[in-house]
Amino acid sequence: MDLQTIKERIAVVQGKREYLLSLLEQPSLGTLRIDVNQALEELDELIDEFRRTIPEAGNS
């Protein structure tokens, strides 16, 4: 897999992060809020790790 493909896939993941953030605004989320928060934390860790591994990728 080339770097451009990886960058594109990370961009898709970042887009899904925005969707998770919008879910947190839902008042009826209930106990699923815990799972959404966990997913956000894991996505943030994944994105941060990617940027640390391939620093120039954060500039795209």
PDB file of N, CA and C in Angstrom:
ATOM      1  N   MET A   1       0.853  -1.167   0.000  1.00  0.00           N
ATOM      2  CA  MET A   1       0.000   0.000   0.000  1.00  0.00           C
ATOM      3  C   MET A   1       0.904   1.236   0.000  1.00  0.00           C
ATOM      4  N   ASP A   2       0.627   2.176  -0.881  1.00  0.00           N
ATOM      5  CA  ASP A   2       1.461   3.365  -0.959  1.00  0.00           C
ATOM      6  C   ASP A   2       0.980   4.438   0.020  1.00  0.00           C
ATOM      7  N   LEU A   3       1.824   5.430   0.237  1.00  0.00           N
ATOM      8  CA  LEU A   3       1.545   6.480   1.213  1.00  0.00           C
ATOM      9  C   LEU A   3       0.278   7.259   0.863  1.00  0.00           C
ATOM     10  N   GLN A   4       0.051   7.522  -0.407  1.00  0.00           N
ATOM     11  CA  GLN A   4      -1.141   8.278  -0.804  1.00  0.00           C
ATOM     12  C   GLN A   4      -2.418   7.519  -0.430  1.00  0.00           C
ATOM     13  N   THR A   5      -2.435   6.222  -0.624  1.00  0.00           N
ATOM     14  CA  THR A   5      -3.602   5.407  -0.267  1.00  0.00           C
ATOM     15  C   THR A   5      -3.838   5.457   1.235  1.00  0.00           C
ATOM     16  N   ILE A   6      -2.765   5.368   1.999  1.00  0.00           N
ATOM     17  CA  ILE A   6      -2.886   5.430   3.457  1.00  0.00           C
ATOM     18  C   ILE A   6      -3.440   6.784   3.879  1.00  0.00           C
ATOM     19  N   LYS A   7      -2.940   7.861   3.281  1.00  0.00           N
ATOM     20  CA  LYS A   7      -3.436   9.202   3.594  1.00  0.00           C
ATOM     21  C   LYS A   7      -4.934   9.310   3.304  1.00  0.00           C
ATOM     22  N   GLU A   8      -5.353   8.743   2.186  1.00  0.00           N
ATOM     23  CA  GLU A   8      -6.770   8.789   1.820  1.00  0.00           C
ATOM     24  C   GLU A   8      -7.627   8.030   2.831  1.00  0.00           C
ATOM     25  N   ARG A   9      -7.134   6.900   3.269  1.00  0.00           N
ATOM     26  CA  ARG A   9      -7.889   6.111   4.255  1.00  0.00           C
ATOM     27  C   ARG A   9      -7.952   6.797   5.610  1.00  0.00           C
ATOM     28  N   ILE A  10      -6.867   7.459   5.989  1.00  0.00           N
ATOM     29  CA  ILE A  10      -6.872   8.217   7.242  1.00  0.00           C
ATOM     30  C   ILE A  10      -7.865   9.372   7.141  1.00  0.00           C
ATOM     31  N   ALA A  11      -7.959  10.002   5.982  1.00  0.00           N
ATOM     32  CA  ALA A  11      -8.925  11.084   5.783  1.00  0.00           C
ATOM     33  C   ALA A  11     -10.354  10.564   5.959  1.00  0.00           C
ATOM     34  N   VAL A  12     -10.623   9.370   5.492  1.00  0.00           N
ATOM     35  CA  VAL A  12     -11.949   8.764   5.670  1.00  0.00           C
ATOM     36  C   VAL A  12     -12.227   8.550   7.153  1.00  0.00           C
ATOM     37  N   VAL A  13     -11.224   8.062   7.872  1.00  0.00           N
ATOM     38  CA  VAL A  13     -11.363   7.838   9.317  1.00  0.00           C
ATOM     39  C   VAL A  13     -11.643   9.169  10.022  1.00  0.00           C
ATOM     40  N   GLN A  14     -10.944  10.220   9.625  1.00  0.00           N
ATOM     41  CA  GLN A  14     -11.166  11.523  10.230  1.00  0.00           C
ATOM     42  C   GLN A  14     -12.594  12.012   9.981  1.00  0.00           C
ATOM     43  N   GLY A  15     -13.136  11.705   8.827  1.00  0.00           N
ATOM     44  CA  GLY A  15     -14.515  12.060   8.531  1.00  0.00           C
ATOM     45  C   GLY A  15     -15.492  11.324   9.435  1.00  0.00           C
ATOM     46  N   LYS A  16     -15.200  10.089   9.729  1.00  0.00           N
ATOM     47  CA  LYS A  16     -16.053   9.315  10.629  1.00  0.00           C
ATOM     48  C   LYS A  16     -15.973   9.865  12.047  1.00  0.00           C
ATOM     49  N   ARG A  17     -14.831  10.434  12.389  1.00  0.00           N
ATOM     50  CA  ARG A  17     -14.679  11.050  13.710  1.00  0.00           C
ATOM     51  C   ARG A  17     -15.686  12.193  13.867  1.00  0.00           C
ATOM     52  N   GLU A  18     -15.860  12.968  12.808  1.00  0.00           N
ATOM     53  CA  GLU A  18     -16.826  14.068  12.847  1.00  0.00           C
ATOM     54  C   GLU A  18     -18.240  13.543  13.094  1.00  0.00           C
ATOM     55  N   TYR A  19     -18.549  12.414  12.500  1.00  0.00           N
ATOM     56  CA  TYR A  19     -19.871  11.810  12.716  1.00  0.00           C
ATOM     57  C   TYR A  19     -20.043  11.403  14.181  1.00  0.00           C
ATOM     58  N   LEU A  20     -18.999  10.817  14.764  1.00  0.00           N
ATOM     59  CA  LEU A  20     -19.073  10.431  16.175  1.00  0.00           C
ATOM     60  C   LEU A  20     -19.281  11.654  17.064  1.00  0.00           C
ATOM     61  N   LEU A  21     -18.610  12.743  16.727  1.00  0.00           N
ATOM     62  CA  LEU A  21     -18.807  13.974  17.500  1.00  0.00           C
ATOM     63  C   LEU A  21     -20.259  14.439  17.428  1.00  0.00           C
ATOM     64  N   SER A  22     -20.859  14.311  16.259  1.00  0.00           N
ATOM     65  CA  SER A  22     -22.261  14.726  16.125  1.00  0.00           C
ATOM     66  C   SER A  22     -23.181  13.817  16.937  1.00  0.00           C
ATOM     67  N   LEU A  23     -22.809  12.558  17.079  1.00  0.00           N
ATOM     68  CA  LEU A  23     -23.618  11.648  17.901  1.00  0.00           C
ATOM     69  C   LEU A  23     -23.643  12.082  19.359  1.00  0.00           C
ATOM     70  N   LEU A  24     -22.525  12.621  19.833  1.00  0.00           N
ATOM     71  CA  LEU A  24     -22.467  13.057  21.234  1.00  0.00           C
ATOM     72  C   LEU A  24     -23.463  14.171  21.533  1.00  0.00           C
ATOM     73  N   GLU A  25     -23.901  14.881  20.508  1.00  0.00           N
ATOM     74  CA  GLU A  25     -24.857  15.966  20.699  1.00  0.00           C
ATOM     75  C   GLU A  25     -26.288  15.458  20.857  1.00  0.00           C
ATOM     76  N   GLN A  26     -26.501  14.170  20.602  1.00  0.00           N
ATOM     77  CA  GLN A  26     -27.840  13.598  20.695  1.00  0.00           C
ATOM     78  C   GLN A  26     -28.211  13.375  22.168  1.00  0.00           C
ATOM     79  N   PRO A  27     -29.297  13.983  22.616  1.00  0.00           N
ATOM     80  CA  PRO A  27     -29.680  13.829  24.028  1.00  0.00           C
ATOM     81  C   PRO A  27     -30.157  12.415  24.380  1.00  0.00           C
ATOM     82  N   SER A  28     -30.595  11.665  23.387  1.00  0.00           N
ATOM     83  CA  SER A  28     -31.135  10.331  23.654  1.00  0.00           C
ATOM     84  C   SER A  28     -30.070   9.224  23.563  1.00  0.00           C
ATOM     85  N   LEU A  29     -28.817   9.583  23.559  1.00  0.00           N
ATOM     86  CA  LEU A  29     -27.743   8.608  23.382  1.00  0.00           C
ATOM     87  C   LEU A  29     -27.634   7.642  24.553  1.00  0.00           C
ATOM     88  N   GLY A  30     -27.939   8.101  25.735  1.00  0.00           N
ATOM     89  CA  GLY A  30     -27.921   7.236  26.916  1.00  0.00           C
ATOM     90  C   GLY A  30     -26.555   6.646  27.191  1.00  0.00           C
ATOM     91  N   THR A  31     -26.555   5.347  27.519  1.00  0.00           N
ATOM     92  CA  THR A  31     -25.299   4.686  27.883  1.00  0.00           C
ATOM     93  C   THR A  31     -24.379   4.468  26.689  1.00  0.00           C
ATOM     94  N   LEU A  32     -24.895   4.625  25.468  1.00  0.00           N
ATOM     95  CA  LEU A  32     -24.032   4.511  24.285  1.00  0.00           C
ATOM     96  C   LEU A  32     -22.993   5.627  24.238  1.00  0.00           C
ATOM     97  N   ARG A  33     -23.222   6.684  25.009  1.00  0.00           N
ATOM     98  CA  ARG A  33     -22.279   7.798  25.075  1.00  0.00           C
ATOM     99  C   ARG A  33     -20.888   7.299  25.484  1.00  0.00           C
ATOM    100  N   ILE A  34     -20.847   6.331  26.371  1.00  0.00           N
ATOM    101  CA  ILE A  34     -19.566   5.754  26.817  1.00  0.00           C
ATOM    102  C   ILE A  34     -18.840   5.119  25.626  1.00  0.00           C
ATOM    103  N   ASP A  35     -19.572   4.360  24.824  1.00  0.00           N
ATOM    104  CA  ASP A  35     -18.968   3.698  23.658  1.00  0.00           C
ATOM    105  C   ASP A  35     -18.506   4.710  22.619  1.00  0.00           C
ATOM    106  N   VAL A  36     -19.287   5.757  22.413  1.00  0.00           N
ATOM    107  CA  VAL A  36     -18.917   6.783  21.444  1.00  0.00           C
ATOM    108  C   VAL A  36     -17.655   7.506  21.917  1.00  0.00           C
ATOM    109  N   ASN A  37     -17.600   7.823  23.198  1.00  0.00           N
ATOM    110  CA  ASN A  37     -16.398   8.462  23.741  1.00  0.00           C
ATOM    111  C   ASN A  37     -15.173   7.563  23.578  1.00  0.00           C
ATOM    112  N   GLN A  38     -15.341   6.274  23.831  1.00  0.00           N
ATOM    113  CA  GLN A  38     -14.238   5.330  23.676  1.00  0.00           C
ATOM    114  C   GLN A  38     -13.781   5.262  22.221  1.00  0.00           C
ATOM    115  N   ALA A  39     -14.720   5.228  21.308  1.00  0.00           N
ATOM    116  CA  ALA A  39     -14.373   5.192  19.883  1.00  0.00           C
ATOM    117  C   ALA A  39     -13.617   6.457  19.483  1.00  0.00           C
ATOM    118  N   LEU A  40     -14.036   7.605  19.993  1.00  0.00           N
ATOM    119  CA  LEU A  40     -13.343   8.857  19.691  1.00  0.00           C
ATOM    120  C   LEU A  40     -11.910   8.834  20.221  1.00  0.00           C
ATOM    121  N   GLU A  41     -11.745   8.341  21.440  1.00  0.00           N
ATOM    122  CA  GLU A  41     -10.402   8.258  22.015  1.00  0.00           C
ATOM    123  C   GLU A  41      -9.505   7.355  21.180  1.00  0.00           C
ATOM    124  N   GLU A  42     -10.028   6.218  20.755  1.00  0.00           N
ATOM    125  CA  GLU A  42      -9.229   5.281  19.963  1.00  0.00           C
ATOM    126  C   GLU A  42      -8.907   5.853  18.583  1.00  0.00           C
ATOM    127  N   LEU A  43      -9.853   6.539  17.964  1.00  0.00           N
ATOM    128  CA  LEU A  43      -9.582   7.176  16.673  1.00  0.00           C
ATOM    129  C   LEU A  43      -8.514   8.254  16.809  1.00  0.00           C
ATOM    130  N   ASP A  44      -8.609   9.043  17.874  1.00  0.00           N
ATOM    131  CA  ASP A  44      -7.608  10.086  18.098  1.00  0.00           C
ATOM    132  C   ASP A  44      -6.217   9.479  18.285  1.00  0.00           C
ATOM    133  N   GLU A  45      -6.140   8.386  19.029  1.00  0.00           N
ATOM    134  CA  GLU A  45      -4.857   7.707  19.220  1.00  0.00           C
ATOM    135  C   GLU A  45      -4.315   7.181  17.893  1.00  0.00           C
ATOM    136  N   LEU A  46      -5.183   6.601  17.073  1.00  0.00           N
ATOM    137  CA  LEU A  46      -4.779   6.081  15.774  1.00  0.00           C
ATOM    138  C   LEU A  46      -4.238   7.194  14.880  1.00  0.00           C
ATOM    139  N   ILE A  47      -4.953   8.304  14.831  1.00  0.00           N
ATOM    140  CA  ILE A  47      -4.533   9.427  13.995  1.00  0.00           C
ATOM    141  C   ILE A  47      -3.221  10.018  14.507  1.00  0.00           C
ATOM    142  N   ASP A  48      -3.101  10.163  15.822  1.00  0.00           N
ATOM    143  CA  ASP A  48      -1.854  10.685  16.399  1.00  0.00           C
ATOM    144  C   ASP A  48      -0.674   9.765  16.107  1.00  0.00           C
ATOM    145  N   GLU A  49      -0.903   8.466  16.235  1.00  0.00           N
ATOM    146  CA  GLU A  49       0.169   7.509  15.952  1.00  0.00           C
ATOM    147  C   GLU A  49       0.588   7.577  14.484  1.00  0.00           C
ATOM    148  N   PHE A  50      -0.379   7.708  13.598  1.00  0.00           N
ATOM    149  CA  PHE A  50      -0.076   7.834  12.176  1.00  0.00           C
ATOM    150  C   PHE A  50       0.775   9.075  11.924  1.00  0.00           C
ATOM    151  N   ARG A  51       0.392  10.186  12.533  1.00  0.00           N
ATOM    152  CA  ARG A  51       1.147  11.440  12.343  1.00  0.00           C
ATOM    153  C   ARG A  51       2.551  11.363  12.926  1.00  0.00           C
ATOM    154  N   ARG A  52       2.717  10.630  14.024  1.00  0.00           N
ATOM    155  CA  ARG A  52       4.057  10.467  14.608  1.00  0.00           C
ATOM    156  C   ARG A  52       4.913   9.553  13.729  1.00  0.00           C
ATOM    157  N   THR A  53       4.289   8.536  13.151  1.00  0.00           N
ATOM    158  CA  THR A  53       5.016   7.587  12.328  1.00  0.00           C
ATOM    159  C   THR A  53       5.409   8.193  10.986  1.00  0.00           C
ATOM    160  N   ILE A  54       4.490   8.968  10.416  1.00  0.00           N
ATOM    161  CA  ILE A  54       4.723   9.583   9.108  1.00  0.00           C
ATOM    162  C   ILE A  54       4.433  11.081   9.271  1.00  0.00           C
ATOM    163  N   PRO A  55       5.391  11.835   9.829  1.00  0.00           N
ATOM    164  CA  PRO A  55       5.158  13.257  10.137  1.00  0.00           C
ATOM    165  C   PRO A  55       4.700  14.094   8.944  1.00  0.00           C
ATOM    166  N   GLU A  56       5.233  13.851   7.764  1.00  0.00           N
ATOM    167  CA  GLU A  56       4.850  14.662   6.605  1.00  0.00           C
ATOM    168  C   GLU A  56       3.397  14.424   6.208  1.00  0.00           C
ATOM    169  N   ALA A  57       2.793  13.335   6.694  1.00  0.00           N
ATOM    170  CA  ALA A  57       1.398  13.024   6.361  1.00  0.00           C
ATOM    171  C   ALA A  57       0.443  14.010   7.025  1.00  0.00           C
ATOM    172  N   GLY A  58       0.848  14.592   8.125  1.00  0.00           N
ATOM    173  CA  GLY A  58      -0.015  15.562   8.786  1.00  0.00           C
ATOM    174  C   GLY A  58      -0.153  16.861   8.026  1.00  0.00           C
ATOM    175  N   ASN A  59       0.659  17.050   7.008  1.00  0.00           N
ATOM    176  CA  ASN A  59       0.629  18.283   6.223  1.00  0.00           C
ATOM    177  C   ASN A  59      -0.271  18.193   5.009  1.00  0.00           C
ATOM    178  N   SER A  60      -0.973  17.097   4.818  1.00  0.00           N
ATOM    179  CA  SER A  60      -1.801  16.948   3.620  1.00  0.00           C
ATOM    180  C   SER A  60      -3.165  17.561   3.781  1.00  0.00           C
TER     181      SER A  60
END
